C-alpha atoms as a PDB file:
ATOM      1  CA  UNK A   1      10.941  44.023 -27.380  1.00  0.00           C
ATOM      2  CA  UNK A   2       8.608  45.000 -24.544  1.00  0.00           C
ATOM      3  CA  UNK A   3       7.507  42.207 -22.260  1.00  0.00           C
ATOM      4  CA  UNK A   4       5.035  44.394 -20.384  1.00  0.00           C
ATOM      5  CA  UNK A   5       1.914  42.440 -19.438  1.00  0.00           C
ATOM      6  CA  UNK A   6      -1.386  44.263 -19.633  1.00  0.00           C
ATOM      7  CA  UNK A   7      -3.287  42.212 -17.095  1.00  0.00           C
ATOM      8  CA  UNK A   8      -6.858  42.995 -16.045  1.00  0.00           C
ATOM      9  CA  UNK A   9      -5.528  44.568 -12.850  1.00  0.00           C
ATOM     10  CA  UNK A  10      -3.121  46.785 -14.749  1.00  0.00           C
ATOM     11  CA  UNK A  11      -5.743  47.799 -17.313  1.00  0.00           C
ATOM     12  CA  UNK A  12      -8.125  48.800 -14.539  1.00  0.00           C
ATOM     13  CA  UNK A  13      -5.466  50.712 -12.605  1.00  0.00           C
ATOM     14  CA  UNK A  14      -4.280  52.622 -15.680  1.00  0.00           C
ATOM     15  CA  UNK A  15      -7.812  53.462 -16.792  1.00  0.00           C
ATOM     16  CA  UNK A  16      -8.858  54.604 -13.328  1.00  0.00           C
ATOM     17  CA  UNK A  17      -5.886  56.995 -13.179  1.00  0.00           C
ATOM     18  CA  UNK A  18      -6.613  58.268 -16.701  1.00  0.00           C
ATOM     19  CA  UNK A  19     -10.294  58.864 -15.964  1.00  0.00           C
ATOM     20  CA  UNK A  20      -9.391  60.649 -12.740  1.00  0.00           C
ATOM     21  CA  UNK A  21      -7.143  63.000 -14.730  1.00  0.00           C
ATOM     22  CA  UNK A  22     -10.113  63.661 -17.033  1.00  0.00           C
ATOM     23  CA  UNK A  23     -12.274  64.551 -13.993  1.00  0.00           C
ATOM     24  CA  UNK A  24     -14.661  61.665 -14.567  1.00  0.00           C
ATOM     25  CA  UNK A  25     -16.788  61.390 -11.441  1.00  0.00           C
ATOM     26  CA  UNK A  26     -16.526  57.616 -10.753  1.00  0.00           C
ATOM     27  CA  UNK A  27     -13.248  56.582 -12.412  1.00  0.00           C
ATOM     28  CA  UNK A  28     -12.888  53.150 -10.817  1.00  0.00           C
ATOM     29  CA  UNK A  29     -16.507  52.138 -11.348  1.00  0.00           C
ATOM     30  CA  UNK A  30     -16.540  53.270 -14.967  1.00  0.00           C
ATOM     31  CA  UNK A  31     -13.262  51.481 -15.743  1.00  0.00           C
ATOM     32  CA  UNK A  32     -14.775  48.287 -14.316  1.00  0.00           C
ATOM     33  CA  UNK A  33     -18.022  48.669 -16.249  1.00  0.00           C
ATOM     34  CA  UNK A  34     -16.230  49.209 -19.562  1.00  0.00           C
ATOM     35  CA  UNK A  35     -13.759  46.358 -19.144  1.00  0.00           C
ATOM     36  CA  UNK A  36     -16.485  44.024 -17.902  1.00  0.00           C
ATOM     37  CA  UNK A  37     -18.497  44.913 -20.997  1.00  0.00           C
ATOM     38  CA  UNK A  38     -15.594  44.116 -23.320  1.00  0.00           C
ATOM     39  CA  UNK A  39     -14.807  40.837 -21.553  1.00  0.00           C
ATOM     40  CA  UNK A  40     -18.526  39.943 -21.212  1.00  0.00           C
ATOM     41  CA  UNK A  41     -18.392  39.429 -17.471  1.00  0.00           C
ATOM     42  CA  UNK A  42     -19.787  41.076 -14.348  1.00  0.00           C
ATOM     43  CA  UNK A  43     -17.612  43.650 -12.607  1.00  0.00           C
ATOM     44  CA  UNK A  44     -17.200  41.410  -9.572  1.00  0.00           C
ATOM     45  CA  UNK A  45     -15.669  38.674 -11.716  1.00  0.00           C
ATOM     46  CA  UNK A  46     -12.888  40.977 -12.890  1.00  0.00           C
ATOM     47  CA  UNK A  47     -11.361  40.620  -9.433  1.00  0.00           C
ATOM     48  CA  UNK A  48     -11.208  36.857  -9.705  1.00  0.00           C
ATOM     49  CA  UNK A  49      -9.254  37.261 -12.955  1.00  0.00           C
ATOM     50  CA  UNK A  50      -6.835  40.068 -12.066  1.00  0.00           C
ATOM     51  CA  UNK A  51      -3.735  38.306 -13.440  1.00  0.00           C
ATOM     52  CA  UNK A  52      -5.398  37.352 -16.714  1.00  0.00           C
ATOM     53  CA  UNK A  53      -4.097  39.135 -19.815  1.00  0.00           C
ATOM     54  CA  UNK A  54      -6.876  39.956 -22.322  1.00  0.00           C
ATOM     55  CA  UNK A  55      -6.051  39.408 -25.986  1.00  0.00           C
ATOM     56  CA  UNK A  56      -5.153  42.258 -28.311  1.00  0.00           C
ATOM     57  CA  UNK A  57      -8.646  42.463 -29.844  1.00  0.00           C
ATOM     58  CA  UNK A  58     -10.171  42.937 -26.391  1.00  0.00           C
ATOM     59  CA  UNK A  59      -7.577  45.529 -25.431  1.00  0.00           C
ATOM     60  CA  UNK A  60      -8.209  47.409 -28.688  1.00  0.00           C
ATOM     61  CA  UNK A  61     -11.963  47.428 -28.035  1.00  0.00           C
ATOM     62  CA  UNK A  62     -11.322  48.641 -24.489  1.00  0.00           C
ATOM     63  CA  UNK A  63      -9.037  51.436 -25.726  1.00  0.00           C
ATOM     64  CA  UNK A  64     -11.765  52.619 -28.113  1.00  0.00           C
ATOM     65  CA  UNK A  65     -14.318  52.778 -25.299  1.00  0.00           C
ATOM     66  CA  UNK A  66     -11.850  54.665 -23.087  1.00  0.00           C
ATOM     67  CA  UNK A  67     -11.321  57.248 -25.843  1.00  0.00           C
ATOM     68  CA  UNK A  68     -15.060  57.745 -26.358  1.00  0.00           C
ATOM     69  CA  UNK A  69     -15.650  58.084 -22.618  1.00  0.00           C
ATOM     70  CA  UNK A  70     -12.836  60.618 -22.307  1.00  0.00           C
ATOM     71  CA  UNK A  71     -14.454  62.564 -25.158  1.00  0.00           C
ATOM     72  CA  UNK A  72     -17.667  62.764 -23.142  1.00  0.00           C
ATOM     73  CA  UNK A  73     -19.875  59.857 -24.224  1.00  0.00           C
ATOM     74  CA  UNK A  74     -21.702  58.568 -21.118  1.00  0.00           C
ATOM     75  CA  UNK A  75     -20.652  55.086 -20.081  1.00  0.00           C
ATOM     76  CA  UNK A  76     -24.282  53.919 -20.156  1.00  0.00           C
ATOM     77  CA  UNK A  77     -24.514  54.682 -23.867  1.00  0.00           C
ATOM     78  CA  UNK A  78     -21.198  52.926 -24.508  1.00  0.00           C
ATOM     79  CA  UNK A  79     -22.321  49.676 -22.890  1.00  0.00           C
ATOM     80  CA  UNK A  80     -26.017  50.063 -23.744  1.00  0.00           C
ATOM     81  CA  UNK A  81     -27.484  49.756 -20.263  1.00  0.00           C
ATOM     82  CA  UNK A  82     -27.793  51.326 -16.817  1.00  0.00           C
ATOM     83  CA  UNK A  83     -28.775  49.687 -13.545  1.00  0.00           C
ATOM     84  CA  UNK A  84     -31.764  51.206 -11.769  1.00  0.00           C
ATOM     85  CA  UNK A  85     -33.360  49.832  -8.605  1.00  0.00           C
ATOM     86  CA  UNK A  86     -31.115  46.753  -9.021  1.00  0.00           C
ATOM     87  CA  UNK A  87     -32.558  46.090 -12.487  1.00  0.00           C
ATOM     88  CA  UNK A  88     -30.688  46.378 -15.782  1.00  0.00           C
ATOM     89  CA  UNK A  89     -32.255  48.779 -18.302  1.00  0.00           C
ATOM     90  CA  UNK A  90     -31.353  49.159 -21.951  1.00  0.00           C
ATOM     91  CA  UNK A  91     -30.500  52.764 -22.780  1.00  0.00           C
ATOM     92  CA  UNK A  92     -29.760  54.477 -26.073  1.00  0.00           C
ATOM     93  CA  UNK A  93     -29.168  58.148 -26.946  1.00  0.00           C
ATOM     94  CA  UNK A  94     -32.943  58.347 -27.525  1.00  0.00           C
ATOM     95  CA  UNK A  95     -33.632  58.162 -23.776  1.00  0.00           C
ATOM     96  CA  UNK A  96     -32.421  59.908 -20.657  1.00  0.00           C
ATOM     97  CA  UNK A  97     -30.060  57.777 -18.578  1.00  0.00           C
ATOM     98  CA  UNK A  98     -31.797  56.737 -15.318  1.00  0.00           C
ATOM     99  CA  UNK A  99     -30.375  58.455 -12.230  1.00  0.00           C
ATOM    100  CA  UNK A 100     -30.073  57.015  -8.715  1.00  0.00           C
ATOM    101  CA  UNK A 101     -32.064  59.987  -7.366  1.00  0.00           C
ATOM    102  CA  UNK A 102     -35.112  58.805  -9.311  1.00  0.00           C
ATOM    103  CA  UNK A 103     -35.137  55.582  -7.291  1.00  0.00           C
ATOM    104  CA  UNK A 104     -36.510  57.720  -4.437  1.00  0.00           C
ATOM    105  CA  UNK A 105     -39.487  58.635  -6.636  1.00  0.00           C
ATOM    106  CA  UNK A 106     -40.175  54.930  -7.234  1.00  0.00           C
ATOM    107  CA  UNK A 107     -39.834  54.147  -3.534  1.00  0.00           C
ATOM    108  CA  UNK A 108     -42.332  56.830  -2.516  1.00  0.00           C
ATOM    109  CA  UNK A 109     -44.780  55.675  -5.186  1.00  0.00           C
ATOM    110  CA  UNK A 110     -44.545  52.092  -3.910  1.00  0.00           C
ATOM    111  CA  UNK A 111     -45.336  53.389  -0.419  1.00  0.00           C
ATOM    112  CA  UNK A 112     -48.430  55.243  -1.689  1.00  0.00           C
ATOM    113  CA  UNK A 113     -49.892  52.231  -3.519  1.00  0.00           C
ATOM    114  CA  UNK A 114     -48.994  49.579  -0.935  1.00  0.00           C
ATOM    115  CA  UNK A 115     -52.530  49.409   0.499  1.00  0.00           C
ATOM    116  CA  UNK A 116     -54.379  49.513  -2.842  1.00  0.00           C
ATOM    117  CA  UNK A 117     -55.461  46.077  -4.087  1.00  0.00           C
ATOM    118  CA  UNK A 118     -55.080  46.677  -7.848  1.00  0.00           C
ATOM    119  CA  UNK A 119     -53.308  49.987  -8.336  1.00  0.00           C
ATOM    120  CA  UNK A 120     -53.679  51.795 -11.650  1.00  0.00           C
ATOM    121  CA  UNK A 121     -50.690  53.994 -12.443  1.00  0.00           C
ATOM    122  CA  UNK A 122     -49.840  56.447 -15.193  1.00  0.00           C
ATOM    123  CA  UNK A 123     -46.190  57.271 -15.984  1.00  0.00           C
ATOM    124  CA  UNK A 124     -45.937  60.501 -18.006  1.00  0.00           C
ATOM    125  CA  UNK A 125     -42.728  60.866 -20.033  1.00  0.00           C
ATOM    126  CA  UNK A 126     -41.631  57.286 -19.526  1.00  0.00           C
ATOM    127  CA  UNK A 127     -38.364  57.421 -21.503  1.00  0.00           C
ATOM    128  CA  UNK A 128     -36.542  54.126 -20.934  1.00  0.00           C
ATOM    129  CA  UNK A 129     -39.541  52.903 -18.939  1.00  0.00           C
ATOM    130  CA  UNK A 130     -37.496  52.580 -15.763  1.00  0.00           C
ATOM    131  CA  UNK A 131     -40.172  54.035 -13.449  1.00  0.00           C
ATOM    132  CA  UNK A 132     -43.151  52.194 -14.936  1.00  0.00           C
ATOM    133  CA  UNK A 133     -41.318  48.887 -15.208  1.00  0.00           C
ATOM    134  CA  UNK A 134     -39.822  49.032 -11.721  1.00  0.00           C
ATOM    135  CA  UNK A 135     -43.238  49.771 -10.206  1.00  0.00           C
ATOM    136  CA  UNK A 136     -44.740  46.823 -12.091  1.00  0.00           C
ATOM    137  CA  UNK A 137     -41.833  44.589 -11.133  1.00  0.00           C
ATOM    138  CA  UNK A 138     -42.036  45.483  -7.430  1.00  0.00           C
ATOM    139  CA  UNK A 139     -45.828  45.217  -7.149  1.00  0.00           C
ATOM    140  CA  UNK A 140     -47.381  42.319  -9.073  1.00  0.00           C
ATOM    141  CA  UNK A 141     -50.893  43.818  -8.833  1.00  0.00           C
ATOM    142  CA  UNK A 142     -49.973  47.061 -10.618  1.00  0.00           C
ATOM    143  CA  UNK A 143     -51.423  47.983 -14.019  1.00  0.00           C
ATOM    144  CA  UNK A 144     -49.555  50.791 -15.783  1.00  0.00           C
ATOM    145  CA  UNK A 145     -50.053  53.068 -18.742  1.00  0.00           C
ATOM    146  CA  UNK A 146     -46.888  54.859 -19.854  1.00  0.00           C
ATOM    147  CA  UNK A 147     -46.746  57.817 -22.241  1.00  0.00           C
ATOM    148  CA  UNK A 148     -43.916  59.381 -24.213  1.00  0.00           C
ATOM    149  CA  UNK A 149     -43.744  61.755 -27.175  1.00  0.00           C
ATOM    150  CA  UNK A 150     -40.832  59.854 -28.722  1.00  0.00           C
ATOM    151  CA  UNK A 151     -41.516  56.686 -30.699  1.00  0.00           C
ATOM    152  CA  UNK A 152     -37.829  55.795 -30.395  1.00  0.00           C
ATOM    153  CA  UNK A 153     -37.969  56.105 -26.611  1.00  0.00           C
ATOM    154  CA  UNK A 154     -41.089  53.930 -26.528  1.00  0.00           C
ATOM    155  CA  UNK A 155     -39.267  51.242 -28.525  1.00  0.00           C
ATOM    156  CA  UNK A 156     -36.565  51.175 -25.831  1.00  0.00           C
ATOM    157  CA  UNK A 157     -39.179  51.082 -23.064  1.00  0.00           C
ATOM    158  CA  UNK A 158     -41.008  48.170 -24.715  1.00  0.00           C
ATOM    159  CA  UNK A 159     -37.750  46.227 -24.954  1.00  0.00           C
ATOM    160  CA  UNK A 160     -37.132  46.835 -21.259  1.00  0.00           C
ATOM    161  CA  UNK A 161     -40.648  45.732 -20.335  1.00  0.00           C
ATOM    162  CA  UNK A 162     -40.081  42.494 -22.246  1.00  0.00           C
ATOM    163  CA  UNK A 163     -36.706  41.959 -20.582  1.00  0.00           C
ATOM    164  CA  UNK A 164     -38.287  42.262 -17.154  1.00  0.00           C
ATOM    165  CA  UNK A 165     -41.404  40.251 -18.077  1.00  0.00           C
ATOM    166  CA  UNK A 166     -43.985  42.938 -17.302  1.00  0.00           C
ATOM    167  CA  UNK A 167     -45.208  43.675 -20.847  1.00  0.00           C
ATOM    168  CA  UNK A 168     -48.610  42.188 -20.033  1.00  0.00           C
ATOM    169  CA  UNK A 169     -49.197  44.844 -17.351  1.00  0.00           C
ATOM    170  CA  UNK A 170     -47.894  47.959 -19.121  1.00  0.00           C
ATOM    171  CA  UNK A 171     -49.557  49.734 -22.034  1.00  0.00           C
ATOM    172  CA  UNK A 172     -47.263  52.149 -23.862  1.00  0.00           C
ATOM    173  CA  UNK A 173     -48.852  55.149 -25.586  1.00  0.00           C
ATOM    174  CA  UNK A 174     -47.353  57.774 -27.918  1.00  0.00           C
ATOM    175  CA  UNK A 175     -48.259  61.417 -27.422  1.00  0.00           C
ATOM    176  CA  UNK A 176     -47.793  64.650 -25.503  1.00  0.00           C
ATOM    177  CA  UNK A 177     -48.663  64.504 -21.800  1.00  0.00           C
ATOM    178  CA  UNK A 178     -52.290  63.282 -21.435  1.00  0.00           C
ATOM    179  CA  UNK A 179     -53.280  63.610 -25.108  1.00  0.00           C
ATOM    180  CA  UNK A 180     -53.335  59.821 -25.864  1.00  0.00           C
ATOM    181  CA  UNK A 181     -55.676  58.980 -22.964  1.00  0.00           C
ATOM    182  CA  UNK A 182     -59.402  58.335 -23.129  1.00  0.00           C
ATOM    183  CA  UNK A 183     -61.291  60.943 -21.115  1.00  0.00           C
ATOM    184  CA  UNK A 184     -62.993  58.402 -18.859  1.00  0.00           C
ATOM    185  CA  UNK A 185     -59.792  56.701 -17.637  1.00  0.00           C
ATOM    186  CA  UNK A 186     -58.598  57.400 -14.081  1.00  0.00           C
ATOM    187  CA  UNK A 187     -55.610  56.415 -11.947  1.00  0.00           C
ATOM    188  CA  UNK A 188     -54.696  55.891  -8.322  1.00  0.00           C
ATOM    189  CA  UNK A 189     -51.298  57.456  -8.972  1.00  0.00           C
ATOM    190  CA  UNK A 190     -49.735  59.566 -11.698  1.00  0.00           C
ATOM    191  CA  UNK A 191     -45.946  59.761 -11.668  1.00  0.00           C
ATOM    192  CA  UNK A 192     -43.517  61.751 -13.767  1.00  0.00           C
ATOM    193  CA  UNK A 193     -39.857  62.648 -13.983  1.00  0.00           C
ATOM    194  CA  UNK A 194     -40.337  65.450 -16.523  1.00  0.00           C
ATOM    195  CA  UNK A 195     -37.799  67.764 -18.135  1.00  0.00           C
ATOM    196  CA  UNK A 196     -36.992  70.473 -15.567  1.00  0.00           C
ATOM    197  CA  UNK A 197     -33.713  72.103 -16.637  1.00  0.00           C
ATOM    198  CA  UNK A 198     -33.802  75.847 -17.335  1.00  0.00           C
ATOM    199  CA  UNK A 199     -32.110  77.384 -20.360  1.00  0.00           C
ATOM    200  CA  UNK A 200     -29.412  78.927 -18.158  1.00  0.00           C
ATOM    201  CA  UNK A 201     -28.782  75.611 -16.376  1.00  0.00           C
ATOM    202  CA  UNK A 202     -28.714  73.708 -19.670  1.00  0.00           C
ATOM    203  CA  UNK A 203     -25.782  75.741 -20.977  1.00  0.00           C
ATOM    204  CA  UNK A 204     -23.845  74.883 -17.787  1.00  0.00           C
ATOM    205  CA  UNK A 205     -24.497  71.123 -17.807  1.00  0.00           C
ATOM    206  CA  UNK A 206     -21.595  68.729 -18.003  1.00  0.00           C
ATOM    207  CA  UNK A 207     -20.636  67.952 -21.606  1.00  0.00           C
ATOM    208  CA  UNK A 208     -21.524  64.285 -21.139  1.00  0.00           C
ATOM    209  CA  UNK A 209     -25.124  65.316 -20.421  1.00  0.00           C
ATOM    210  CA  UNK A 210     -25.562  68.399 -22.631  1.00  0.00           C
ATOM    211  CA  UNK A 211     -23.964  66.967 -25.778  1.00  0.00           C
ATOM    212  CA  UNK A 212     -25.193  63.372 -25.577  1.00  0.00           C
ATOM    213  CA  UNK A 213     -28.502  62.998 -23.739  1.00  0.00           C
ATOM    214  CA  UNK A 214     -31.751  63.995 -25.503  1.00  0.00           C
ATOM    215  CA  UNK A 215     -32.343  67.728 -25.184  1.00  0.00           C
ATOM    216  CA  UNK A 216     -36.128  67.293 -25.114  1.00  0.00           C
ATOM    217  CA  UNK A 217     -35.829  65.074 -22.018  1.00  0.00           C
ATOM    218  CA  UNK A 218     -33.925  67.781 -20.124  1.00  0.00           C
ATOM    219  CA  UNK A 219     -34.875  71.312 -21.157  1.00  0.00           C
ATOM    220  CA  UNK A 220     -38.142  72.889 -19.965  1.00  0.00           C
ATOM    221  CA  UNK A 221     -38.109  76.536 -20.971  1.00  0.00           C
ATOM    222  CA  UNK A 222     -36.542  79.661 -19.563  1.00  0.00           C
ATOM    223  CA  UNK A 223     -37.105  78.742 -15.911  1.00  0.00           C
ATOM    224  CA  UNK A 224     -37.381  74.932 -16.148  1.00  0.00           C
ATOM    225  CA  UNK A 225     -41.049  74.964 -15.078  1.00  0.00           C
ATOM    226  CA  UNK A 226     -42.824  74.765 -18.450  1.00  0.00           C
ATOM    227  CA  UNK A 227     -43.827  71.105 -18.149  1.00  0.00           C
ATOM    228  CA  UNK A 228     -44.986  71.430 -14.514  1.00  0.00           C
ATOM    229  CA  UNK A 229     -47.308  74.302 -15.503  1.00  0.00           C
ATOM    230  CA  UNK A 230     -49.139  71.903 -17.846  1.00  0.00           C
ATOM    231  CA  UNK A 231     -48.595  68.512 -16.185  1.00  0.00           C
ATOM    232  CA  UNK A 232     -49.821  69.360 -12.677  1.00  0.00           C
ATOM    233  CA  UNK A 233     -53.201  70.980 -13.450  1.00  0.00           C
ATOM    234  CA  UNK A 234     -53.914  68.656 -16.385  1.00  0.00           C
ATOM    235  CA  UNK A 235     -53.310  65.552 -14.262  1.00  0.00           C
ATOM    236  CA  UNK A 236     -56.123  66.195 -11.758  1.00  0.00           C
ATOM    237  CA  UNK A 237     -59.021  65.078 -14.044  1.00  0.00           C
ATOM    238  CA  UNK A 238     -57.253  61.743 -14.604  1.00  0.00           C
ATOM    239  CA  UNK A 239     -56.907  60.922 -10.912  1.00  0.00           C
ATOM    240  CA  UNK A 240     -59.393  58.991  -8.822  1.00  0.00           C
ATOM    241  CA  UNK A 241     -60.798  60.602  -5.721  1.00  0.00           C
ATOM    242  CA  UNK A 242     -57.859  61.156  -3.355  1.00  0.00           C
ATOM    243  CA  UNK A 243     -55.447  59.883  -6.010  1.00  0.00           C
ATOM    244  CA  UNK A 244     -51.863  61.130  -5.924  1.00  0.00           C
ATOM    245  CA  UNK A 245     -49.502  62.926  -8.277  1.00  0.00           C
ATOM    246  CA  UNK A 246     -45.754  62.460  -7.670  1.00  0.00           C
ATOM    247  CA  UNK A 247     -43.062  64.312  -9.624  1.00  0.00           C
ATOM    248  CA  UNK A 248     -39.311  64.696  -9.487  1.00  0.00           C
ATOM    249  CA  UNK A 249     -37.998  68.267  -9.314  1.00  0.00           C
ATOM    250  CA  UNK A 250     -34.749  70.175  -9.581  1.00  0.00           C
ATOM    251  CA  UNK A 251     -33.093  71.117  -6.310  1.00  0.00           C
ATOM    252  CA  UNK A 252     -34.008  74.839  -6.615  1.00  0.00           C
ATOM    253  CA  UNK A 253     -37.629  74.370  -7.679  1.00  0.00           C
ATOM    254  CA  UNK A 254     -39.430  73.354  -4.475  1.00  0.00           C
ATOM    255  CA  UNK A 255     -41.252  76.632  -3.780  1.00  0.00           C
ATOM    256  CA  UNK A 256     -42.413  77.160  -7.375  1.00  0.00           C
ATOM    257  CA  UNK A 257     -43.564  73.570  -7.920  1.00  0.00           C
ATOM    258  CA  UNK A 258     -45.383  73.467  -4.565  1.00  0.00           C
ATOM    259  CA  UNK A 259     -47.215  76.663  -5.534  1.00  0.00           C
ATOM    260  CA  UNK A 260     -48.401  75.089  -8.804  1.00  0.00           C
ATOM    261  CA  UNK A 261     -49.469  71.952  -6.924  1.00  0.00           C
ATOM    262  CA  UNK A 262     -51.568  73.871  -4.395  1.00  0.00           C
ATOM    263  CA  UNK A 263     -53.863  75.180  -7.131  1.00  0.00           C
ATOM    264  CA  UNK A 264     -55.227  71.658  -7.749  1.00  0.00           C
ATOM    265  CA  UNK A 265     -53.957  69.455  -4.901  1.00  0.00           C
ATOM    266  CA  UNK A 266     -53.990  69.149  -1.131  1.00  0.00           C
ATOM    267  CA  UNK A 267     -51.517  67.527   1.305  1.00  0.00           C
ATOM    268  CA  UNK A 268     -48.609  68.827  -0.808  1.00  0.00           C
ATOM    269  CA  UNK A 269     -45.358  67.321   0.473  1.00  0.00           C
ATOM    270  CA  UNK A 270     -41.727  67.678  -0.581  1.00  0.00           C
ATOM    271  CA  UNK A 271     -39.268  64.863   0.081  1.00  0.00           C
ATOM    272  CA  UNK A 272     -35.514  65.367   0.198  1.00  0.00           C
ATOM    273  CA  UNK A 273     -32.956  62.985  -1.239  1.00  0.00           C
ATOM    274  CA  UNK A 274     -29.839  61.525   0.411  1.00  0.00           C
ATOM    275  CA  UNK A 275     -27.998  64.787  -0.269  1.00  0.00           C
ATOM    276  CA  UNK A 276     -30.746  66.643   1.678  1.00  0.00           C
ATOM    277  CA  UNK A 277     -31.906  68.380  -1.507  1.00  0.00           C
ATOM    278  CA  UNK A 278     -35.606  68.742  -2.427  1.00  0.00           C
ATOM    279  CA  UNK A 279     -36.276  65.942  -4.927  1.00  0.00           C
ATOM    280  CA  UNK A 280     -39.900  64.715  -4.910  1.00  0.00           C
ATOM    281  CA  UNK A 281     -43.161  66.643  -4.637  1.00  0.00           C
ATOM    282  CA  UNK A 282     -46.413  64.775  -3.976  1.00  0.00           C
ATOM    283  CA  UNK A 283     -49.969  65.978  -3.767  1.00  0.00           C
ATOM    284  CA  UNK A 284     -53.417  64.441  -3.241  1.00  0.00           C
ATOM    285  CA  UNK A 285     -56.345  65.305  -5.483  1.00  0.00           C
ATOM    286  CA  UNK A 286     -58.788  67.661  -3.794  1.00  0.00           C
END
């Protein structure tokens, strides 16, 4: 009879090696997240319990999560959340998983509104609500309207707003781009992380993205610019004088997106991310 002990340390070590063999990008981190989820503890606490041996039910649940992750399911969908800007956001397959790169978009928006006494912000394509909610959480004077075409995504976003106690300052609206808005409304800042993947790029995406995350939150036509061609010019009438539009872009789209911006905006600026890739484009209403 085997007397092998599957301690927390051994489970983590084995899973990290297995994930590395499967070319999972962050094998150690993902092993920790999954085991912490099963054991209902923070990742940091796993290392105070390294010699503990989880019971068979916990190990069975962990094995099932490992199998699903190896088959491509994103870890965020397996545990039901993703951290963004140090906040925990519920995620489901109805919403795009928040990316660290998008934190730069939030940071630049916070900079732009820092001197406005009661900023009014519009988040177009809110998804999980991570941008709108983080802005409201970081600036207590902010009032936000957030739009999405998906009722299921809006349900997730509303849950997240409640979790972070900003529901009283965010109005969620269902519809395509600016369609749900009243014509007389105007904003100091409009922000969006729209779909910007081209058809060619979509076919080359990692399986964990292509086969699991919502297609409509990723794909934007043959060249990935379809949403920008509508979003950028249509946003100008909803901005106050000298209001700003800020969007996230794909790393190859700077020149094309800047060109669309310049038709309706001035002071067009592109900001690069930590990898030195173009990531954010901002413009001021003429």
